[in-house]
Structures are given as structure tokens and as C-alpha cells.
Amino acid sequence: MSQKTVGELNPPGRILLGPGPATLHPRVLHALSTPLLGHLDPAFLELMDETVTLLRDTFRTENQLTIPISGTGSAGMEAAICNVVEPGDTVVVGVKGVFGQRMAEVASRYGANVVPLEGEWGRPIEPEEFERVLKGLPKVKVVAVVHAETSTGVLQPLEEIGRLARDKDALFLVDAVTSLGGVDTRVDEWGIDICYGGTQKCIGAPPGLSPLTFSRRAAGVLDSRKSKVTSWYLDLSLLQMYWGGDRVYHHTAPISMIYSLREALRIIQEEGLKERIERHRRHAVGLWAGLEAMGLKLLVPAEYRATPITTVQIPEGVDDAAVRGALLQDFGIEIGGGLGPFKGTAWRIGLMGYSSRPENIIALLNALEQLLPKQGFEVARAVGIVAAETAMSGA
């Protein structure tokens, strides 16, 4: 066994501008250090109820079955699928990036007949494509899409797809991991039956919980299953008894994480959801203007860009890893690399939650102005910063 002494925890300071996690608000950090309560302590049960109420406000829903799943956004994805999908069910999945692919993979593992509707990376899937596919299928259990695709930065319009799903008597399932808390997401108004998110992006808490909401119709499908939910841990028929009135023990809740989520949701409530969404939009507009003024190309057309995540084409001759490494080591700034077809050809820049601040945009643009010329890509001094500040003041 190693006899090496492990030193005190002292991670380097970072400005987190990647696809997640985002930098935490100081109040959320403080909440994480709050002394623990037991997971069945009456005081903690009250905090759970308050957290659920705040989640409903953020989802813009009245759904009774609204809880945070103990696990990351991928656990929320699996819970959303495994509770309503049984072997042989047909599930239509919009695939325009990594997380659409992942939904299709999860559904297939639970025995679904998955019909992937492939879309071009960097573009949304048109409702007409869903209509064409749905018309050709006799029965569909679920229609699933990603709202803001983290791998591409595309925002998928939802309302018309939701209408098509209802016309087919299918459940409408939406991945809102990147959008929830930073992009307009209206569960009830848009007819979304199942929606899940992640805590580490626009909501502004650490990774480790996945907010999930089921409409009454989706809850009815869960109640009328022919077989038990395959996953015991993610079985909502069991979880809702802990989060609901009976308080039946299921698993030991991640108490500190729920503290942090509650505080993050309180911050959203205080800022105002509408104002928070507008802040994410305004800062994204500033970032886009700054990057384009520097001569960089954005991969998604303006009308389909997700404001929390921006994909930038890496200029020819510029070393992806070298720039991201220098940003991290010399400036303490993290941005993300590309995934799938965008690997090595795109950067992903996140402006989410507490990370979505003007000073972070200026710091990133300033760093890029210094680093890109070293890679042979000339940038006029301060041109990006001026453009960003002008755009944000007028947005």
C-alpha cells in the first residue's frame, strides 16, 4: 500500500465556462456546508417540500409528481424512460447530438422499439419530420427530444412537436438538462408530459441531482404498467412515497445536495425566472458579438442557438488542445471541446447560472485575444471586448 501522505484539499480556482458544471453562487457553496439532518427528520422533510414547490415553479408546472432524482442528469434521463417504457413499446427519438443518441440507447436497453429521427448536427429537427415519421407508425408510446442539445448548442422548438405527440396519443418527453433555469421552458403550457433537468448547469447547484416532473397522464401510464419498473432505484412508484405524504423510506437522500438545490432555486425565485432567462439571453448575445468580431465562426444559426451553450468553429491551423490547455493553465478558464462530429473542430462555451456574468465574458475574450495570435490567427486588440460590451448594453 502507498505510504504517500495526501495533503489538504486545495483545488485551483477556475472560471467554469464549459458545458457544465457551472461556477456556484457563494450562497450555494454555503448551503453545502450546512450541518446534516437525518433524511427522515421532520425538519428535513419540510425542506424537501419547499424544494419540490420551487422545482414546480422552475418547470412552470402544477404536476404533483415532481421530484429531484438522486443522481446526475443521466439518471433523470433513465428514470424518465424506464418508468413508462415497457418491452415492445415504440419510442420516437429526435437525434441531433450526443444526448439524443443517449436517449435512444437508454430506451433500447429497456426493450423499446426505438425509431431514431436523425437530424443534422448544428440544426434543429423540423416538426414536419416528426409528423412524417409519426404518420407512418401505428402506435407510439413516447416522443422524445432534447430541448437544448449540449453537444451542439442547438435549441429545439418544442410546442409543435408536443402537439404532434398528443395527436398521436403519445407521451411527450423532453430533456431540459441544459435549458432548465436559463431558457424558457413551459411544461404545462407546451404539453410536456415528462421533463428532466440537471442541477449543475443553469439551475446553479453541483452535479448530483436531476429534477424530474411527470404529468398526470404520464403518472397514469406508470400506474397502469403491465410489469414492474425494471430499475428498483429509479422506480417512481417507490420514490414518490418518500417524497410524498407517506414518507416511506426508499434510500438515504443526498441531504447536502438537496440543501444546495433548495438554495439555488431560492436564488432563481429571488432573481425572477423571466429575468434570469433574459440575463442568459443578453450575455449570450454579448458573447456571440465578441466572438464574431474577432473573426470566429459560430456553428449554429442565430435563430436556433441555445443561450447557455455556444459552439465555435476552431479556425484552421489552431490547435484545439493547446488553446484550451493554455486557457486553463494561464488564465484559469475552462471551456469544452467538441463531441462526436465536432470533436477537434469546435469549442463549447457555457454561460450558465452564476457563470453567466459580463466579467466572465470579458475575461474569456481577453484570453482568446492573447492566445489565438500565437496559433497564427490574428485578432485586433480589444475588438471582441468592445463588441461584447456594446451588444450587452443594447440587448
Protein backbone atom coordinates (compact mmCIF):
# COMPACT_ATOMS: atom_id res chain seq x y z
CA MET A 1 0.00 0.00 0.00
CA SER A 2 1.12 3.55 -0.70
CA GLN A 3 2.50 5.47 2.27
CA LYS A 4 2.21 8.82 0.50
CA THR A 5 0.55 11.48 2.62
CA VAL A 6 -2.42 13.12 0.96
CA GLY A 7 -2.46 16.85 1.56
CA GLU A 8 -5.29 19.20 2.42
CA LEU A 9 -7.91 19.71 -0.28
CA ASN A 10 -6.93 22.79 -2.25
CA PRO A 11 -8.19 22.68 -5.86
CA PRO A 12 -7.13 25.53 -8.18
CA GLY A 13 -9.53 28.39 -8.78
CA ARG A 14 -11.35 28.17 -12.10
CA ILE A 15 -13.84 30.18 -14.11
CA LEU A 16 -16.12 27.42 -15.37
CA LEU A 17 -17.25 28.32 -18.88
CA GLY A 18 -17.60 24.83 -20.28
CA PRO A 19 -20.74 22.77 -20.88
CA GLY A 20 -21.11 22.17 -17.15
CA PRO A 21 -20.71 22.23 -14.27
CA ALA A 22 -21.03 25.98 -13.82
CA THR A 23 -19.47 28.09 -11.10
CA LEU A 24 -21.53 28.04 -7.90
CA HIS A 25 -23.01 31.10 -6.24
CA PRO A 26 -21.41 31.70 -2.80
CA ARG A 27 -24.79 31.10 -1.14
CA VAL A 28 -24.99 27.65 -2.72
CA LEU A 29 -21.47 26.84 -1.51
CA HIS A 30 -22.51 27.93 1.98
CA ALA A 31 -25.60 25.71 1.83
CA LEU A 32 -23.39 22.72 1.07
CA SER A 33 -21.54 23.27 4.36
CA THR A 34 -24.73 23.34 6.45
CA PRO A 35 -24.85 20.64 9.18
CA LEU A 36 -26.68 17.47 8.20
CA LEU A 37 -30.12 16.40 9.33
CA GLY A 38 -31.44 12.87 9.16
CA HIS A 39 -33.23 12.05 5.91
CA LEU A 40 -36.47 11.39 7.84
CA ASP A 41 -36.09 14.29 10.29
CA PRO A 42 -39.31 16.36 10.25
CA ALA A 43 -37.24 19.49 9.64
CA PHE A 44 -35.64 17.89 6.59
CA LEU A 45 -38.99 16.67 5.29
CA GLU A 46 -40.16 20.27 5.37
CA LEU A 47 -37.10 21.32 3.35
CA MET A 48 -37.95 18.60 0.83
CA ASP A 49 -41.45 20.01 0.41
CA GLU A 50 -40.06 23.51 -0.11
CA THR A 51 -37.62 22.20 -2.71
CA VAL A 52 -40.41 20.49 -4.65
CA THR A 53 -42.52 23.67 -4.60
CA LEU A 54 -39.58 25.66 -6.00
CA LEU A 55 -38.97 22.98 -8.65
CA ARG A 56 -42.58 23.21 -9.84
CA ASP A 57 -42.15 26.96 -10.26
CA THR A 58 -38.96 26.44 -12.29
CA PHE A 59 -40.57 23.79 -14.51
CA ARG A 60 -43.67 26.00 -14.80
CA THR A 61 -45.91 23.12 -13.86
CA GLU A 62 -48.57 22.07 -11.39
CA ASN A 63 -47.56 18.40 -11.68
CA GLN A 64 -47.89 16.59 -8.38
CA LEU A 65 -45.16 14.11 -9.31
CA THR A 66 -42.19 16.49 -9.34
CA ILE A 67 -39.04 15.44 -7.50
CA PRO A 68 -35.24 15.59 -7.76
CA ILE A 69 -33.80 12.19 -8.67
CA SER A 70 -30.71 11.25 -6.64
CA GLY A 71 -28.21 11.11 -9.48
CA THR A 72 -26.95 13.27 -12.34
CA GLY A 73 -28.96 14.30 -15.40
CA SER A 74 -28.29 10.90 -16.95
CA ALA A 75 -30.13 9.31 -14.01
CA GLY A 76 -33.03 11.64 -14.71
CA MET A 77 -32.97 10.53 -18.34
CA GLU A 78 -33.08 6.88 -17.34
CA ALA A 79 -35.85 7.49 -14.79
CA ALA A 80 -37.89 9.39 -17.38
CA ILE A 81 -37.68 6.45 -19.78
CA CYS A 82 -37.70 3.34 -17.59
CA ASN A 83 -40.86 4.31 -15.71
CA VAL A 84 -43.07 4.50 -18.81
CA VAL A 85 -41.37 2.27 -21.38
CA GLU A 86 -42.03 -1.47 -21.47
CA PRO A 87 -40.65 -4.05 -23.89
CA GLY A 88 -42.10 -3.65 -27.37
CA ASP A 89 -43.20 -0.02 -26.93
CA THR A 90 -42.41 2.29 -29.83
CA VAL A 91 -40.34 5.34 -28.89
CA VAL A 92 -39.55 8.06 -31.44
CA VAL A 93 -36.39 9.96 -30.52
CA GLY A 94 -35.12 13.14 -32.15
CA VAL A 95 -31.37 12.62 -32.56
CA LYS A 96 -29.35 15.73 -33.38
CA GLY A 97 -26.47 15.26 -30.98
CA VAL A 98 -24.92 13.10 -28.29
CA PHE A 99 -27.78 13.33 -25.82
CA GLY A 100 -30.44 12.41 -28.35
CA GLN A 101 -28.30 9.38 -29.13
CA ARG A 102 -28.13 8.61 -25.44
CA MET A 103 -31.92 8.74 -25.04
CA ALA A 104 -32.28 6.31 -27.92
CA GLU A 105 -29.69 3.98 -26.34
CA VAL A 106 -31.40 4.03 -22.92
CA ALA A 107 -34.82 3.34 -24.43
CA SER A 108 -33.44 0.41 -26.41
CA ARG A 109 -31.96 -1.09 -23.25
CA TYR A 110 -35.44 -1.16 -21.71
CA GLY A 111 -36.76 -3.10 -24.68
CA ALA A 112 -38.29 -0.29 -26.71
CA ASN A 113 -38.68 -0.34 -30.44
CA VAL A 114 -36.66 2.84 -31.00
CA VAL A 115 -37.31 4.92 -34.10
CA PRO A 116 -34.49 7.48 -34.31
CA LEU A 117 -35.30 10.64 -36.24
CA GLU A 118 -31.88 11.76 -37.34
CA GLY A 119 -31.14 15.45 -37.72
CA GLU A 120 -28.09 17.37 -38.89
CA TRP A 121 -25.75 18.29 -36.07
CA GLY A 122 -25.97 22.04 -35.56
CA ARG A 123 -29.59 22.29 -36.77
CA PRO A 124 -32.95 21.57 -35.13
CA ILE A 125 -35.31 18.86 -36.36
CA GLU A 126 -38.29 20.35 -38.16
CA PRO A 127 -41.78 19.41 -36.85
CA GLU A 128 -42.66 18.24 -40.37
CA GLU A 129 -40.10 15.47 -39.96
CA PHE A 130 -41.76 14.29 -36.75
CA GLU A 131 -45.17 14.46 -38.44
CA ARG A 132 -43.95 12.34 -41.35
CA VAL A 133 -42.48 9.65 -39.08
CA LEU A 134 -45.44 9.59 -36.69
CA LYS A 135 -47.93 9.17 -39.54
CA GLY A 136 -46.12 6.04 -40.65
CA LEU A 137 -46.36 4.30 -37.26
CA PRO A 138 -49.50 2.55 -35.98
CA LYS A 139 -48.89 3.27 -32.29
CA VAL A 140 -46.29 5.35 -30.46
CA LYS A 141 -45.73 5.31 -26.71
CA VAL A 142 -43.23 8.19 -26.38
CA VAL A 143 -41.93 11.06 -28.50
CA ALA A 144 -38.62 12.29 -27.04
CA VAL A 145 -36.42 15.29 -27.84
CA VAL A 146 -33.58 17.28 -26.32
CA HIS A 147 -34.52 20.92 -25.73
CA ALA A 148 -31.00 22.40 -25.66
CA GLU A 149 -28.52 19.90 -27.08
CA THR A 150 -25.33 20.31 -25.05
CA SER A 151 -23.13 18.75 -27.72
CA THR A 152 -24.16 21.21 -30.46
CA GLY A 153 -25.66 24.30 -28.83
CA VAL A 154 -28.94 23.92 -30.76
CA LEU A 155 -32.24 24.94 -29.17
CA GLN A 156 -35.05 22.69 -30.40
CA PRO A 157 -38.50 24.37 -30.69
CA LEU A 158 -40.96 22.24 -28.69
CA GLU A 159 -44.56 23.41 -28.96
CA GLU A 160 -45.43 21.95 -32.35
CA ILE A 161 -43.74 18.63 -31.59
CA GLY A 162 -45.74 18.43 -28.38
CA ARG A 163 -48.96 18.92 -30.33
CA LEU A 164 -47.99 16.16 -32.77
CA ALA A 165 -47.27 13.80 -29.86
CA ARG A 166 -50.68 14.48 -28.31
CA ASP A 167 -52.41 13.94 -31.66
CA LYS A 168 -50.74 10.51 -31.71
CA ASP A 169 -51.75 9.89 -28.07
CA ALA A 170 -48.05 9.57 -27.23
CA LEU A 171 -46.25 10.92 -24.19
CA PHE A 172 -44.02 13.92 -24.91
CA LEU A 173 -40.64 13.58 -23.17
CA VAL A 174 -38.14 16.46 -23.05
CA ASP A 175 -34.51 16.59 -21.94
CA ALA A 176 -34.11 20.02 -20.32
CA VAL A 177 -30.76 19.37 -18.65
CA THR A 178 -29.10 22.42 -20.21
CA SER A 179 -32.16 24.64 -20.60
CA LEU A 180 -33.97 24.39 -17.26
CA GLY A 181 -33.49 27.58 -15.27
CA GLY A 182 -31.90 29.52 -18.13
CA VAL A 183 -34.14 29.11 -21.19
CA ASP A 184 -37.91 29.48 -21.45
CA THR A 185 -39.26 26.01 -20.57
CA ARG A 186 -43.03 25.71 -20.07
CA VAL A 187 -44.00 22.18 -19.11
CA ASP A 188 -47.76 22.64 -18.72
CA GLU A 189 -48.31 25.23 -21.45
CA TRP A 190 -46.36 23.23 -24.06
CA GLY A 191 -47.96 19.91 -23.20
CA ILE A 192 -44.78 18.25 -21.97
CA ASP A 193 -45.63 15.02 -20.15
CA ILE A 194 -42.18 14.13 -18.85
CA CYS A 195 -39.31 16.56 -18.36
CA TYR A 196 -35.98 16.14 -16.62
CA GLY A 197 -33.10 18.51 -15.96
CA GLY A 198 -29.72 18.68 -14.28
CA THR A 199 -28.64 20.75 -11.31
CA GLN A 200 -25.14 21.68 -12.50
CA LYS A 201 -25.98 23.98 -15.39
CA CYS A 202 -28.43 26.90 -15.41
CA ILE A 203 -30.00 25.92 -12.09
CA GLY A 204 -26.67 26.62 -10.43
CA ALA A 205 -26.14 23.73 -7.99
CA PRO A 206 -23.47 21.00 -8.07
CA PRO A 207 -23.93 17.91 -10.25
CA GLY A 208 -25.69 15.10 -8.42
CA LEU A 209 -29.46 15.63 -8.70
CA SER A 210 -31.84 15.52 -11.66
CA PRO A 211 -35.14 17.39 -11.32
CA LEU A 212 -37.93 15.36 -12.89
CA THR A 213 -41.62 16.04 -13.46
CA PHE A 214 -44.42 13.73 -14.66
CA SER A 215 -47.80 14.96 -15.88
CA ARG A 216 -50.97 13.31 -14.61
CA ARG A 217 -51.16 11.44 -17.91
CA ALA A 218 -47.58 10.15 -17.57
CA ALA A 219 -48.24 9.17 -13.95
CA GLY A 220 -51.28 7.24 -15.19
CA VAL A 221 -49.08 5.31 -17.63
CA LEU A 222 -46.75 4.46 -14.74
CA ASP A 223 -49.69 3.26 -12.62
CA SER A 224 -51.07 1.06 -15.40
CA ARG A 225 -47.85 -0.78 -16.30
CA LYS A 226 -48.14 -4.47 -17.09
CA SER A 227 -44.83 -5.17 -15.34
CA LYS A 228 -42.77 -3.69 -12.55
CA VAL A 229 -40.34 -0.90 -13.40
CA THR A 230 -37.10 -2.69 -14.25
CA SER A 231 -34.93 -0.32 -12.20
CA TRP A 232 -35.65 -0.54 -8.47
CA TYR A 233 -33.60 2.55 -7.62
CA LEU A 234 -35.36 4.76 -10.20
CA ASP A 235 -38.88 3.36 -9.72
CA LEU A 236 -41.07 6.43 -9.27
CA SER A 237 -43.89 4.39 -7.76
CA LEU A 238 -41.50 3.84 -4.83
CA LEU A 239 -39.73 7.22 -4.87
CA GLN A 240 -42.96 9.21 -4.76
CA MET A 241 -43.87 7.50 -1.48
CA TYR A 242 -40.73 9.02 0.07
CA TRP A 243 -41.19 12.44 -1.48
CA GLY A 244 -44.98 12.39 -0.99
CA GLY A 245 -47.23 12.24 2.04
CA ASP A 246 -46.40 8.73 3.29
CA ARG A 247 -42.64 9.33 3.63
CA VAL A 248 -41.81 5.66 3.15
CA TYR A 249 -38.05 5.10 3.33
CA HIS A 250 -36.51 4.30 -0.05
CA HIS A 251 -32.86 5.38 0.06
CA THR A 252 -30.80 7.84 2.07
CA ALA A 253 -31.31 11.15 0.30
CA PRO A 254 -28.20 13.23 -0.59
CA ILE A 255 -29.01 15.76 2.09
CA SER A 256 -26.31 18.34 1.33
CA MET A 257 -27.19 18.23 -2.36
CA ILE A 258 -30.83 18.94 -1.56
CA TYR A 259 -29.73 21.85 0.63
CA SER A 260 -27.76 23.23 -2.30
CA LEU A 261 -30.60 22.71 -4.79
CA ARG A 262 -33.06 24.44 -2.49
CA GLU A 263 -30.73 27.44 -2.18
CA ALA A 264 -30.09 27.56 -5.93
CA LEU A 265 -33.84 27.52 -6.56
CA ARG A 266 -34.32 30.27 -3.97
CA ILE A 267 -31.83 32.39 -5.90
CA ILE A 268 -33.82 31.76 -9.09
CA GLN A 269 -37.00 32.78 -7.30
CA GLU A 270 -35.42 35.98 -6.00
CA GLU A 271 -33.97 36.92 -9.39
CA GLY A 272 -37.22 36.02 -11.13
CA LEU A 273 -37.38 33.25 -13.72
CA LYS A 274 -38.24 35.66 -16.53
CA GLU A 275 -35.37 37.96 -15.58
CA ARG A 276 -32.97 35.04 -15.28
CA ILE A 277 -33.86 33.79 -18.76
CA GLU A 278 -33.34 37.31 -20.10
CA ARG A 279 -29.94 37.53 -18.37
CA HIS A 280 -28.80 34.34 -20.07
CA ARG A 281 -30.01 35.70 -23.42
CA ARG A 282 -28.36 39.10 -23.00
CA HIS A 283 -24.99 37.65 -22.03
CA ALA A 284 -25.10 35.09 -24.85
CA VAL A 285 -25.74 37.89 -27.33
CA GLY A 286 -22.68 39.68 -25.96
CA LEU A 287 -20.52 36.58 -26.24
CA TRP A 288 -21.68 35.92 -29.81
CA ALA A 289 -20.94 39.50 -30.83
CA GLY A 290 -17.49 39.39 -29.27
CA LEU A 291 -16.52 36.10 -30.87
CA GLU A 292 -17.75 37.13 -34.31
CA ALA A 293 -15.98 40.49 -34.07
CA MET A 294 -12.77 38.53 -33.54
CA GLY A 295 -13.38 36.67 -36.78
CA LEU A 296 -14.56 33.41 -35.22
CA LYS A 297 -17.47 31.49 -36.76
CA LEU A 298 -20.41 30.23 -34.71
CA LEU A 299 -21.72 26.85 -35.83
CA VAL A 300 -25.45 27.32 -35.14
CA PRO A 301 -27.66 29.89 -36.92
CA ALA A 302 -28.67 32.71 -34.56
CA GLU A 303 -32.36 31.76 -34.51
CA TYR A 304 -31.59 28.26 -33.20
CA ARG A 305 -28.81 28.98 -30.71
CA ALA A 306 -29.25 27.84 -27.13
CA THR A 307 -28.20 30.78 -25.00
CA PRO A 308 -26.46 28.71 -22.27
CA ILE A 309 -24.10 26.89 -24.67
CA THR A 310 -22.31 28.26 -27.73
CA THR A 311 -20.39 26.16 -30.28
CA VAL A 312 -17.49 27.90 -32.01
CA GLN A 313 -15.67 26.58 -35.05
CA ILE A 314 -11.96 26.24 -34.35
CA PRO A 315 -10.08 28.17 -37.06
CA GLU A 316 -7.96 26.16 -39.45
CA GLY A 317 -4.45 25.72 -38.12
CA VAL A 318 -5.40 26.42 -34.50
CA ASP A 319 -4.59 23.62 -32.06
CA ASP A 320 -7.70 22.78 -30.04
CA ALA A 321 -5.95 21.18 -27.07
CA ALA A 322 -3.22 23.83 -26.92
CA VAL A 323 -5.70 26.70 -26.68
CA ARG A 324 -7.93 25.01 -24.12
CA GLY A 325 -4.87 23.96 -22.12
CA ALA A 326 -3.47 27.50 -22.09
CA LEU A 327 -6.85 28.93 -21.12
CA LEU A 328 -6.92 26.60 -18.14
CA GLN A 329 -3.29 26.89 -17.04
CA ASP A 330 -2.58 30.55 -17.81
CA PHE A 331 -5.98 32.15 -17.25
CA GLY A 332 -7.87 29.69 -15.05
CA ILE A 333 -10.72 29.45 -17.58
CA GLU A 334 -12.35 26.20 -18.61
CA ILE A 335 -14.18 25.76 -21.92
CA GLY A 336 -15.26 22.50 -23.51
CA GLY A 337 -14.09 20.64 -26.57
CA GLY A 338 -16.36 19.25 -29.25
CA LEU A 339 -18.14 15.89 -29.16
CA GLY A 340 -18.97 13.46 -31.95
CA PRO A 341 -18.50 15.05 -35.40
CA PHE A 342 -17.45 18.29 -33.68
CA LYS A 343 -14.55 16.67 -31.81
CA GLY A 344 -11.38 18.63 -32.54
CA THR A 345 -13.25 21.14 -34.72
CA ALA A 346 -15.35 23.08 -32.21
CA TRP A 347 -15.25 24.64 -28.78
CA ARG A 348 -18.24 24.66 -26.46
CA ILE A 349 -18.57 27.76 -24.29
CA GLY A 350 -21.10 27.73 -21.47
CA LEU A 351 -22.73 30.73 -19.83
CA MET A 352 -24.90 29.10 -17.20
CA GLY A 353 -26.26 30.21 -13.85
CA TYR A 354 -23.70 32.12 -11.81
CA SER A 355 -21.14 31.69 -14.61
CA SER A 356 -23.29 33.87 -16.88
CA ARG A 357 -21.76 37.22 -15.94
CA PRO A 358 -20.26 40.03 -18.05
CA GLU A 359 -16.87 39.86 -16.33
CA ASN A 360 -16.50 36.20 -17.34
CA ILE A 361 -17.26 37.03 -20.97
CA ILE A 362 -14.67 39.82 -20.96
CA ALA A 363 -12.08 37.58 -19.28
CA LEU A 364 -12.56 34.85 -21.91
CA LEU A 365 -12.42 37.22 -24.87
CA ASN A 366 -9.31 38.89 -23.47
CA ALA A 367 -7.63 35.50 -23.06
CA LEU A 368 -8.53 34.40 -26.59
CA GLU A 369 -7.20 37.68 -27.99
CA GLN A 370 -3.84 36.83 -26.45
CA LEU A 371 -3.78 33.12 -27.31
CA LEU A 372 -5.12 32.96 -30.86
CA PRO A 373 -2.34 35.07 -32.48
CA LYS A 374 0.18 32.59 -31.04
CA GLN A 375 -1.61 29.98 -33.17
CA GLY A 376 -1.42 32.13 -36.30
CA PHE A 377 -4.95 33.52 -36.07
CA GLU A 378 -4.64 37.31 -35.87
CA VAL A 379 -7.10 39.26 -33.73
CA ALA A 380 -7.26 43.03 -33.36
CA ARG A 381 -6.72 44.08 -29.75
CA ALA A 382 -9.93 44.59 -27.72
CA VAL A 383 -12.20 44.32 -30.76
CA GLY A 384 -14.09 41.39 -29.23
CA ILE A 385 -14.45 43.03 -25.85
CA VAL A 386 -15.82 46.27 -27.34
CA ALA A 387 -18.31 44.35 -29.47
CA ALA A 388 -19.46 42.25 -26.50
CA GLU A 389 -19.93 45.25 -24.23
CA THR A 390 -21.83 47.14 -26.94
CA ALA A 391 -24.09 44.17 -27.64
CA MET A 392 -24.87 43.56 -23.97
CA SER A 393 -25.71 47.21 -23.35
CA GLY A 394 -28.11 47.25 -26.29
CA ALA A 395 -29.56 43.74 -26.00
